[in-house]
Amino acid sequence: MKNGTLKALQEARVQRRAIVLATRLSDAAETLVYRDKAEGAQASDAALVSIARRAMDTGRSETIEIGGQKIFLNVYVPPARLIIVGAVHIAQSLAPMAAMLDFDVTVVDPRGAWATTNRFPGVKVVQEWADEAFEKMGLDVSTAVVTLTHDPKLDDPALEAALKSNVFYVGALGSKRTHAKRKERLMSEAGITEEQFARIHGPVGLNIGAKSPAEIAVSILGQIVEVRARRLEALSAPKVAAA
């Protein structure tokens, strides 16, 4: 691997950017494919770039054949990330459970008395308003966002930012009545459309009769895993034929 290629892969990892290294097996020619650009030996090959970006969506490395040439696509995607808005009791159960499933977990809450590393050992804790934290962190297709505070001034900015991004999951704690009021606020005050609002899983979590914070955390995490699996399954279903 060329030094420049290695440097680009390292930079993409730090920046949580998905990237595909396409290596032509006959001569080891390297091409880097991003979501918004491509660089290298075959950067102008539209078929290769299209297939590489599809592999990026599914996260699967594979060998393909284009024009009689075998090319190995090595896919590097950022790890799945869970952002929990609200350093509450449910979050204390949800964060370690998600970490056990290899989610990159961040808890966001501006309330310093709640958002502490003592209450959330082993995960990132950010004492900021969610929308400000999201701007610094960046939201992407590998990210799930869950709001747990029941407080509109904390939850609503987070939901607005999440719904205007391409995160794969958005969930919000609250009853059906709370969710209806949330809809009124977000559509009238934040300009959220009906289609965007429909992306929210609310009331959040699978219907497993959860009562305790730990049980609710299980229902939320189960729903996130289900949504991610179905998304990947849908993306993998129709294969794009190589030219």
C-alpha atoms as a PDB file:
ATOM      1  CA  MET A   1       0.000   0.000   0.000  1.00  0.00           C
ATOM      2  CA  LYS A   2       1.311   3.428  -0.916  1.00  0.00           C
ATOM      3  CA  ASN A   3       2.162   5.839   1.887  1.00  0.00           C
ATOM      4  CA  GLY A   4      -0.313   8.366   0.542  1.00  0.00           C
ATOM      5  CA  THR A   5      -3.058   5.752   0.561  1.00  0.00           C
ATOM      6  CA  LEU A   6      -2.292   4.781   4.143  1.00  0.00           C
ATOM      7  CA  LYS A   7      -2.358   8.429   5.209  1.00  0.00           C
ATOM      8  CA  ALA A   8      -5.728   8.940   3.504  1.00  0.00           C
ATOM      9  CA  LEU A   9      -7.180   5.885   5.252  1.00  0.00           C
ATOM     10  CA  GLN A  10      -5.928   7.119   8.613  1.00  0.00           C
ATOM     11  CA  GLU A  11      -7.394  10.578   8.031  1.00  0.00           C
ATOM     12  CA  ALA A  12     -10.753   9.072   7.048  1.00  0.00           C
ATOM     13  CA  ARG A  13     -10.790   6.988  10.227  1.00  0.00           C
ATOM     14  CA  VAL A  14     -10.159  10.010  12.437  1.00  0.00           C
ATOM     15  CA  GLN A  15     -12.837  12.016  10.614  1.00  0.00           C
ATOM     16  CA  ARG A  16     -15.377   9.128  10.660  1.00  0.00           C
ATOM     17  CA  ARG A  17     -15.517   9.194   6.836  1.00  0.00           C
ATOM     18  CA  ALA A  18     -16.425   6.055   4.937  1.00  0.00           C
ATOM     19  CA  ILE A  19     -13.863   5.162   2.271  1.00  0.00           C
ATOM     20  CA  VAL A  20     -13.177   2.282  -0.114  1.00  0.00           C
ATOM     21  CA  LEU A  21      -9.728   1.269  -1.298  1.00  0.00           C
ATOM     22  CA  ALA A  22     -10.120  -0.333  -4.734  1.00  0.00           C
ATOM     23  CA  THR A  23      -7.042  -2.331  -5.731  1.00  0.00           C
ATOM     24  CA  ARG A  24      -6.726  -3.689  -9.270  1.00  0.00           C
ATOM     25  CA  LEU A  25      -5.285  -7.138  -8.743  1.00  0.00           C
ATOM     26  CA  SER A  26      -3.324  -7.305 -11.997  1.00  0.00           C
ATOM     27  CA  ASP A  27      -1.008  -4.386 -11.168  1.00  0.00           C
ATOM     28  CA  ALA A  28      -1.952  -3.260  -7.623  1.00  0.00           C
ATOM     29  CA  ALA A  29      -3.160   0.114  -8.929  1.00  0.00           C
ATOM     30  CA  GLU A  30      -4.991   1.891  -6.121  1.00  0.00           C
ATOM     31  CA  THR A  31      -8.123   4.042  -6.178  1.00  0.00           C
ATOM     32  CA  LEU A  32      -9.738   5.702  -3.160  1.00  0.00           C
ATOM     33  CA  VAL A  33     -13.483   6.211  -3.338  1.00  0.00           C
ATOM     34  CA  TYR A  34     -15.280   8.576  -0.956  1.00  0.00           C
ATOM     35  CA  ARG A  35     -18.962   9.460  -0.929  1.00  0.00           C
ATOM     36  CA  ASP A  36     -18.244  12.760  -2.670  1.00  0.00           C
ATOM     37  CA  LYS A  37     -15.139  12.118  -4.717  1.00  0.00           C
ATOM     38  CA  ALA A  38     -12.659   9.543  -6.003  1.00  0.00           C
ATOM     39  CA  GLU A  39      -8.896   9.698  -6.344  1.00  0.00           C
ATOM     40  CA  GLY A  40      -6.320   7.438  -7.980  1.00  0.00           C
ATOM     41  CA  ALA A  41      -5.747   5.190 -10.977  1.00  0.00           C
ATOM     42  CA  GLN A  42      -9.405   4.420 -11.772  1.00  0.00           C
ATOM     43  CA  ALA A  43     -11.087   7.489 -10.292  1.00  0.00           C
ATOM     44  CA  SER A  44     -12.761   8.261 -13.631  1.00  0.00           C
ATOM     45  CA  ASP A  45     -14.315   4.780 -13.914  1.00  0.00           C
ATOM     46  CA  ALA A  46     -17.979   5.504 -13.170  1.00  0.00           C
ATOM     47  CA  ALA A  47     -18.893   1.810 -12.808  1.00  0.00           C
ATOM     48  CA  LEU A  48     -16.155   1.194 -10.268  1.00  0.00           C
ATOM     49  CA  VAL A  49     -17.045   4.297  -8.257  1.00  0.00           C
ATOM     50  CA  SER A  50     -20.743   3.330  -8.225  1.00  0.00           C
ATOM     51  CA  ILE A  51     -20.068  -0.230  -7.057  1.00  0.00           C
ATOM     52  CA  ALA A  52     -17.568   0.975  -4.461  1.00  0.00           C
ATOM     53  CA  ARG A  53     -20.115   3.375  -2.989  1.00  0.00           C
ATOM     54  CA  ARG A  54     -22.673   0.604  -2.807  1.00  0.00           C
ATOM     55  CA  ALA A  55     -20.146  -1.562  -0.969  1.00  0.00           C
ATOM     56  CA  MET A  56     -19.661   1.404   1.348  1.00  0.00           C
ATOM     57  CA  ASP A  57     -23.376   1.320   2.201  1.00  0.00           C
ATOM     58  CA  THR A  58     -23.338  -2.371   3.091  1.00  0.00           C
ATOM     59  CA  GLY A  59     -19.902  -2.318   4.700  1.00  0.00           C
ATOM     60  CA  ARG A  60     -18.818  -5.465   2.874  1.00  0.00           C
ATOM     61  CA  SER A  61     -15.428  -5.895   1.248  1.00  0.00           C
ATOM     62  CA  GLU A  62     -15.435  -8.015  -1.891  1.00  0.00           C
ATOM     63  CA  THR A  63     -13.716  -8.792  -5.173  1.00  0.00           C
ATOM     64  CA  ILE A  64     -15.523  -7.559  -8.273  1.00  0.00           C
ATOM     65  CA  GLU A  65     -14.808  -7.775 -12.000  1.00  0.00           C
ATOM     66  CA  ILE A  66     -15.118  -4.838 -14.372  1.00  0.00           C
ATOM     67  CA  GLY A  67     -14.102  -5.053 -18.022  1.00  0.00           C
ATOM     68  CA  GLY A  68     -12.232  -8.290 -17.430  1.00  0.00           C
ATOM     69  CA  GLN A  69     -10.208  -6.798 -14.571  1.00  0.00           C
ATOM     70  CA  LYS A  70     -10.518  -8.156 -11.038  1.00  0.00           C
ATOM     71  CA  ILE A  71     -10.607  -5.457  -8.375  1.00  0.00           C
ATOM     72  CA  PHE A  72     -10.640  -5.923  -4.620  1.00  0.00           C
ATOM     73  CA  LEU A  73     -12.790  -3.429  -2.735  1.00  0.00           C
ATOM     74  CA  ASN A  74     -11.580  -2.973   0.815  1.00  0.00           C
ATOM     75  CA  VAL A  75     -14.311  -1.108   2.666  1.00  0.00           C
ATOM     76  CA  TYR A  76     -13.564   1.082   5.664  1.00  0.00           C
ATOM     77  CA  VAL A  77     -16.637   2.489   7.394  1.00  0.00           C
ATOM     78  CA  PRO A  78     -16.843   4.199  10.776  1.00  0.00           C
ATOM     79  CA  PRO A  79     -18.149   1.987  13.595  1.00  0.00           C
ATOM     80  CA  ALA A  80     -21.826   2.249  14.450  1.00  0.00           C
ATOM     81  CA  ARG A  81     -22.341   5.100  16.878  1.00  0.00           C
ATOM     82  CA  LEU A  82     -25.082   5.663  19.434  1.00  0.00           C
ATOM     83  CA  ILE A  83     -25.654   9.175  20.729  1.00  0.00           C
ATOM     84  CA  ILE A  84     -27.830   9.255  23.840  1.00  0.00           C
ATOM     85  CA  VAL A  85     -29.315  12.643  24.649  1.00  0.00           C
ATOM     86  CA  GLY A  86     -30.083  12.791  28.341  1.00  0.00           C
ATOM     87  CA  ALA A  87     -27.870  11.436  31.121  1.00  0.00           C
ATOM     88  CA  VAL A  88     -30.814   9.790  32.864  1.00  0.00           C
ATOM     89  CA  HIS A  89     -31.312   6.398  34.521  1.00  0.00           C
ATOM     90  CA  ILE A  90     -32.287   4.649  31.280  1.00  0.00           C
ATOM     91  CA  ALA A  91     -29.118   6.000  29.688  1.00  0.00           C
ATOM     92  CA  GLN A  92     -27.074   4.436  32.502  1.00  0.00           C
ATOM     93  CA  SER A  93     -28.353   1.023  31.398  1.00  0.00           C
ATOM     94  CA  LEU A  94     -28.422   1.721  27.657  1.00  0.00           C
ATOM     95  CA  ALA A  95     -24.855   3.039  27.361  1.00  0.00           C
ATOM     96  CA  PRO A  96     -22.982  -0.045  28.659  1.00  0.00           C
ATOM     97  CA  MET A  97     -25.323  -2.425  26.817  1.00  0.00           C
ATOM     98  CA  ALA A  98     -24.658  -0.638  23.519  1.00  0.00           C
ATOM     99  CA  ALA A  99     -20.929  -0.567  24.197  1.00  0.00           C
ATOM    100  CA  MET A 100     -21.016  -4.361  24.649  1.00  0.00           C
ATOM    101  CA  LEU A 101     -22.397  -4.561  21.096  1.00  0.00           C
ATOM    102  CA  ASP A 102     -19.446  -2.469  19.865  1.00  0.00           C
ATOM    103  CA  PHE A 103     -21.380   0.761  19.425  1.00  0.00           C
ATOM    104  CA  ASP A 104     -19.298   3.896  19.841  1.00  0.00           C
ATOM    105  CA  VAL A 105     -21.405   5.478  22.607  1.00  0.00           C
ATOM    106  CA  THR A 106     -21.633   9.164  23.490  1.00  0.00           C
ATOM    107  CA  VAL A 107     -23.905  10.632  26.165  1.00  0.00           C
ATOM    108  CA  VAL A 108     -24.846  14.275  25.614  1.00  0.00           C
ATOM    109  CA  ASP A 109     -26.429  16.449  28.303  1.00  0.00           C
ATOM    110  CA  PRO A 110     -25.655  20.060  29.274  1.00  0.00           C
ATOM    111  CA  ARG A 111     -26.520  19.335  32.911  1.00  0.00           C
ATOM    112  CA  GLY A 112     -23.153  18.895  34.555  1.00  0.00           C
ATOM    113  CA  ALA A 113     -24.555  17.200  37.645  1.00  0.00           C
ATOM    114  CA  TRP A 114     -25.972  14.395  35.478  1.00  0.00           C
ATOM    115  CA  ALA A 115     -23.487  14.044  32.644  1.00  0.00           C
ATOM    116  CA  THR A 116     -20.418  12.793  34.486  1.00  0.00           C
ATOM    117  CA  THR A 117     -17.897  10.077  33.799  1.00  0.00           C
ATOM    118  CA  ASN A 118     -18.639   8.653  37.245  1.00  0.00           C
ATOM    119  CA  ARG A 119     -22.220   7.954  36.169  1.00  0.00           C
ATOM    120  CA  PHE A 120     -21.151   6.800  32.689  1.00  0.00           C
ATOM    121  CA  PRO A 121     -17.805   5.001  32.971  1.00  0.00           C
ATOM    122  CA  GLY A 122     -16.187   3.832  29.760  1.00  0.00           C
ATOM    123  CA  VAL A 123     -18.169   5.977  27.311  1.00  0.00           C
ATOM    124  CA  LYS A 124     -17.795   9.514  26.017  1.00  0.00           C
ATOM    125  CA  VAL A 125     -19.696  12.145  27.983  1.00  0.00           C
ATOM    126  CA  VAL A 126     -20.321  15.592  26.491  1.00  0.00           C
ATOM    127  CA  GLN A 127     -21.674  18.420  28.661  1.00  0.00           C
ATOM    128  CA  GLU A 128     -23.197  20.498  25.893  1.00  0.00           C
ATOM    129  CA  TRP A 129     -26.546  21.208  24.286  1.00  0.00           C
ATOM    130  CA  ALA A 130     -27.218  18.447  21.779  1.00  0.00           C
ATOM    131  CA  ASP A 131     -27.423  20.589  18.650  1.00  0.00           C
ATOM    132  CA  GLU A 132     -24.097  22.245  19.477  1.00  0.00           C
ATOM    133  CA  ALA A 133     -22.493  18.873  20.244  1.00  0.00           C
ATOM    134  CA  PHE A 134     -23.868  17.353  17.029  1.00  0.00           C
ATOM    135  CA  GLU A 135     -22.358  20.153  14.963  1.00  0.00           C
ATOM    136  CA  LYS A 136     -18.917  19.334  16.331  1.00  0.00           C
ATOM    137  CA  MET A 137     -19.334  15.550  16.184  1.00  0.00           C
ATOM    138  CA  GLY A 138     -21.017  15.341  12.793  1.00  0.00           C
ATOM    139  CA  LEU A 139     -23.952  13.028  12.187  1.00  0.00           C
ATOM    140  CA  ASP A 140     -23.670  10.275   9.592  1.00  0.00           C
ATOM    141  CA  VAL A 141     -25.393   7.203   8.233  1.00  0.00           C
ATOM    142  CA  SER A 142     -23.678   5.008  10.844  1.00  0.00           C
ATOM    143  CA  THR A 143     -25.194   6.958  13.743  1.00  0.00           C
ATOM    144  CA  ALA A 144     -28.283   6.354  15.887  1.00  0.00           C
ATOM    145  CA  VAL A 145     -29.728   9.147  18.045  1.00  0.00           C
ATOM    146  CA  VAL A 146     -31.987   8.576  21.055  1.00  0.00           C
ATOM    147  CA  THR A 147     -33.506  11.312  23.220  1.00  0.00           C
ATOM    148  CA  LEU A 148     -34.468  10.400  26.774  1.00  0.00           C
ATOM    149  CA  THR A 149     -34.971  13.595  28.775  1.00  0.00           C
ATOM    150  CA  HIS A 150     -38.740  14.259  28.378  1.00  0.00           C
ATOM    151  CA  ASP A 151     -37.712  17.927  28.291  1.00  0.00           C
ATOM    152  CA  PRO A 152     -38.541  19.682  24.995  1.00  0.00           C
ATOM    153  CA  LYS A 153     -35.785  22.242  25.355  1.00  0.00           C
ATOM    154  CA  LEU A 154     -33.247  19.404  25.498  1.00  0.00           C
ATOM    155  CA  ASP A 155     -34.881  16.837  23.207  1.00  0.00           C
ATOM    156  CA  ASP A 156     -36.316  19.020  20.432  1.00  0.00           C
ATOM    157  CA  PRO A 157     -33.052  20.599  19.175  1.00  0.00           C
ATOM    158  CA  ALA A 158     -31.493  17.127  19.123  1.00  0.00           C
ATOM    159  CA  LEU A 159     -34.395  15.667  17.175  1.00  0.00           C
ATOM    160  CA  GLU A 160     -34.416  18.566  14.731  1.00  0.00           C
ATOM    161  CA  ALA A 161     -30.721  18.088  13.974  1.00  0.00           C
ATOM    162  CA  ALA A 162     -31.066  14.312  13.714  1.00  0.00           C
ATOM    163  CA  LEU A 163     -34.081  14.487  11.393  1.00  0.00           C
ATOM    164  CA  LYS A 164     -32.245  16.881   9.078  1.00  0.00           C
ATOM    165  CA  SER A 165     -29.302  14.462   8.831  1.00  0.00           C
ATOM    166  CA  ASN A 166     -28.914  10.957   7.377  1.00  0.00           C
ATOM    167  CA  VAL A 167     -28.596   9.063  10.689  1.00  0.00           C
ATOM    168  CA  PHE A 168     -29.998   5.535  10.388  1.00  0.00           C
ATOM    169  CA  TYR A 169     -32.129   5.676  13.537  1.00  0.00           C
ATOM    170  CA  VAL A 170     -33.943   8.331  15.555  1.00  0.00           C
ATOM    171  CA  GLY A 171     -35.817   7.435  18.739  1.00  0.00           C
ATOM    172  CA  ALA A 172     -37.558   9.551  21.357  1.00  0.00           C
ATOM    173  CA  LEU A 173     -38.810   8.539  24.791  1.00  0.00           C
ATOM    174  CA  GLY A 174     -42.346   9.563  25.682  1.00  0.00           C
ATOM    175  CA  SER A 175     -45.975   8.503  25.559  1.00  0.00           C
ATOM    176  CA  LYS A 176     -48.161   8.731  22.450  1.00  0.00           C
ATOM    177  CA  ARG A 177     -49.597  11.980  23.860  1.00  0.00           C
ATOM    178  CA  THR A 178     -46.102  13.385  24.383  1.00  0.00           C
ATOM    179  CA  HIS A 179     -45.163  12.303  20.876  1.00  0.00           C
ATOM    180  CA  ALA A 180     -48.203  14.083  19.411  1.00  0.00           C
ATOM    181  CA  LYS A 181     -47.251  17.324  21.171  1.00  0.00           C
ATOM    182  CA  ARG A 182     -43.681  16.855  19.985  1.00  0.00           C
ATOM    183  CA  LYS A 183     -44.934  16.593  16.424  1.00  0.00           C
ATOM    184  CA  GLU A 184     -46.840  19.865  16.726  1.00  0.00           C
ATOM    185  CA  ARG A 185     -43.777  21.686  18.037  1.00  0.00           C
ATOM    186  CA  LEU A 186     -41.261  20.317  15.559  1.00  0.00           C
ATOM    187  CA  MET A 187     -43.493  20.923  12.536  1.00  0.00           C
ATOM    188  CA  SER A 188     -44.625  24.413  13.531  1.00  0.00           C
ATOM    189  CA  GLU A 189     -41.445  25.725  15.146  1.00  0.00           C
ATOM    190  CA  ALA A 190     -38.603  23.829  13.472  1.00  0.00           C
ATOM    191  CA  GLY A 191     -39.995  23.302   9.977  1.00  0.00           C
ATOM    192  CA  ILE A 192     -39.878  19.511  10.212  1.00  0.00           C
ATOM    193  CA  THR A 193     -42.005  17.866   7.531  1.00  0.00           C
ATOM    194  CA  GLU A 194     -44.454  15.010   8.002  1.00  0.00           C
ATOM    195  CA  GLU A 195     -42.043  12.688   6.184  1.00  0.00           C
ATOM    196  CA  GLN A 196     -39.117  13.715   8.357  1.00  0.00           C
ATOM    197  CA  PHE A 197     -41.118  13.339  11.575  1.00  0.00           C
ATOM    198  CA  ALA A 198     -42.178   9.837  10.549  1.00  0.00           C
ATOM    199  CA  ARG A 199     -38.539   8.754  10.929  1.00  0.00           C
ATOM    200  CA  ILE A 200     -38.816   9.056  14.711  1.00  0.00           C
ATOM    201  CA  HIS A 201     -39.402   5.813  16.584  1.00  0.00           C
ATOM    202  CA  GLY A 202     -41.752   7.075  19.249  1.00  0.00           C
ATOM    203  CA  PRO A 203     -42.636   5.885  21.740  1.00  0.00           C
ATOM    204  CA  VAL A 204     -39.107   4.503  21.443  1.00  0.00           C
ATOM    205  CA  GLY A 205     -38.266   0.808  21.726  1.00  0.00           C
ATOM    206  CA  LEU A 206     -39.755  -2.557  20.914  1.00  0.00           C
ATOM    207  CA  ASN A 207     -43.062  -3.424  22.575  1.00  0.00           C
ATOM    208  CA  ILE A 208     -41.792  -6.015  25.071  1.00  0.00           C
ATOM    209  CA  GLY A 209     -43.681  -4.760  28.097  1.00  0.00           C
ATOM    210  CA  ALA A 210     -40.600  -2.988  29.461  1.00  0.00           C
ATOM    211  CA  LYS A 211     -41.040  -1.218  32.792  1.00  0.00           C
ATOM    212  CA  SER A 212     -37.697  -0.732  34.530  1.00  0.00           C
ATOM    213  CA  PRO A 213     -34.887   1.469  33.130  1.00  0.00           C
ATOM    214  CA  ALA A 214     -32.873  -1.628  32.230  1.00  0.00           C
ATOM    215  CA  GLU A 215     -35.842  -3.262  30.467  1.00  0.00           C
ATOM    216  CA  ILE A 216     -36.543  -0.054  28.529  1.00  0.00           C
ATOM    217  CA  ALA A 217     -32.874   0.072  27.544  1.00  0.00           C
ATOM    218  CA  VAL A 218     -33.146  -3.481  26.208  1.00  0.00           C
ATOM    219  CA  SER A 219     -36.213  -2.549  24.147  1.00  0.00           C
ATOM    220  CA  ILE A 220     -34.463   0.512  22.688  1.00  0.00           C
ATOM    221  CA  LEU A 221     -31.263  -1.321  21.846  1.00  0.00           C
ATOM    222  CA  GLY A 222     -33.205  -4.201  20.312  1.00  0.00           C
ATOM    223  CA  GLN A 223     -35.040  -1.777  18.052  1.00  0.00           C
ATOM    224  CA  ILE A 224     -31.816  -0.068  16.975  1.00  0.00           C
ATOM    225  CA  VAL A 225     -30.216  -3.420  16.118  1.00  0.00           C
ATOM    226  CA  GLU A 226     -33.330  -4.466  14.193  1.00  0.00           C
ATOM    227  CA  VAL A 227     -33.454  -1.239  12.177  1.00  0.00           C
ATOM    228  CA  ARG A 228     -29.762  -1.452  11.334  1.00  0.00           C
ATOM    229  CA  ALA A 229     -30.039  -5.103  10.268  1.00  0.00           C
ATOM    230  CA  ARG A 230     -33.062  -4.453   8.038  1.00  0.00           C
ATOM    231  CA  ARG A 231     -31.358  -1.465   6.445  1.00  0.00           C
ATOM    232  CA  LEU A 232     -28.269  -3.493   5.619  1.00  0.00           C
ATOM    233  CA  GLU A 233     -30.430  -6.338   4.341  1.00  0.00           C
ATOM    234  CA  ALA A 234     -32.325  -3.975   2.057  1.00  0.00           C
ATOM    235  CA  LEU A 235     -29.121  -2.445   0.745  1.00  0.00           C
ATOM    236  CA  SER A 236     -27.650  -5.864   0.049  1.00  0.00           C
ATOM    237  CA  ALA A 237     -30.680  -7.311  -1.719  1.00  0.00           C
ATOM    238  CA  PRO A 238     -30.412  -6.205  -5.368  1.00  0.00           C
ATOM    239  CA  LYS A 239     -26.849  -6.574  -6.608  1.00  0.00           C
ATOM    240  CA  VAL A 240     -25.657  -4.032  -9.162  1.00  0.00           C
ATOM    241  CA  ALA A 241     -24.267  -5.798 -12.166  1.00  0.00           C
ATOM    242  CA  ALA A 242     -20.718  -4.941 -13.047  1.00  0.00           C
ATOM    243  CA  ALA A 243     -20.160  -3.485 -16.524  1.00  0.00           C
END
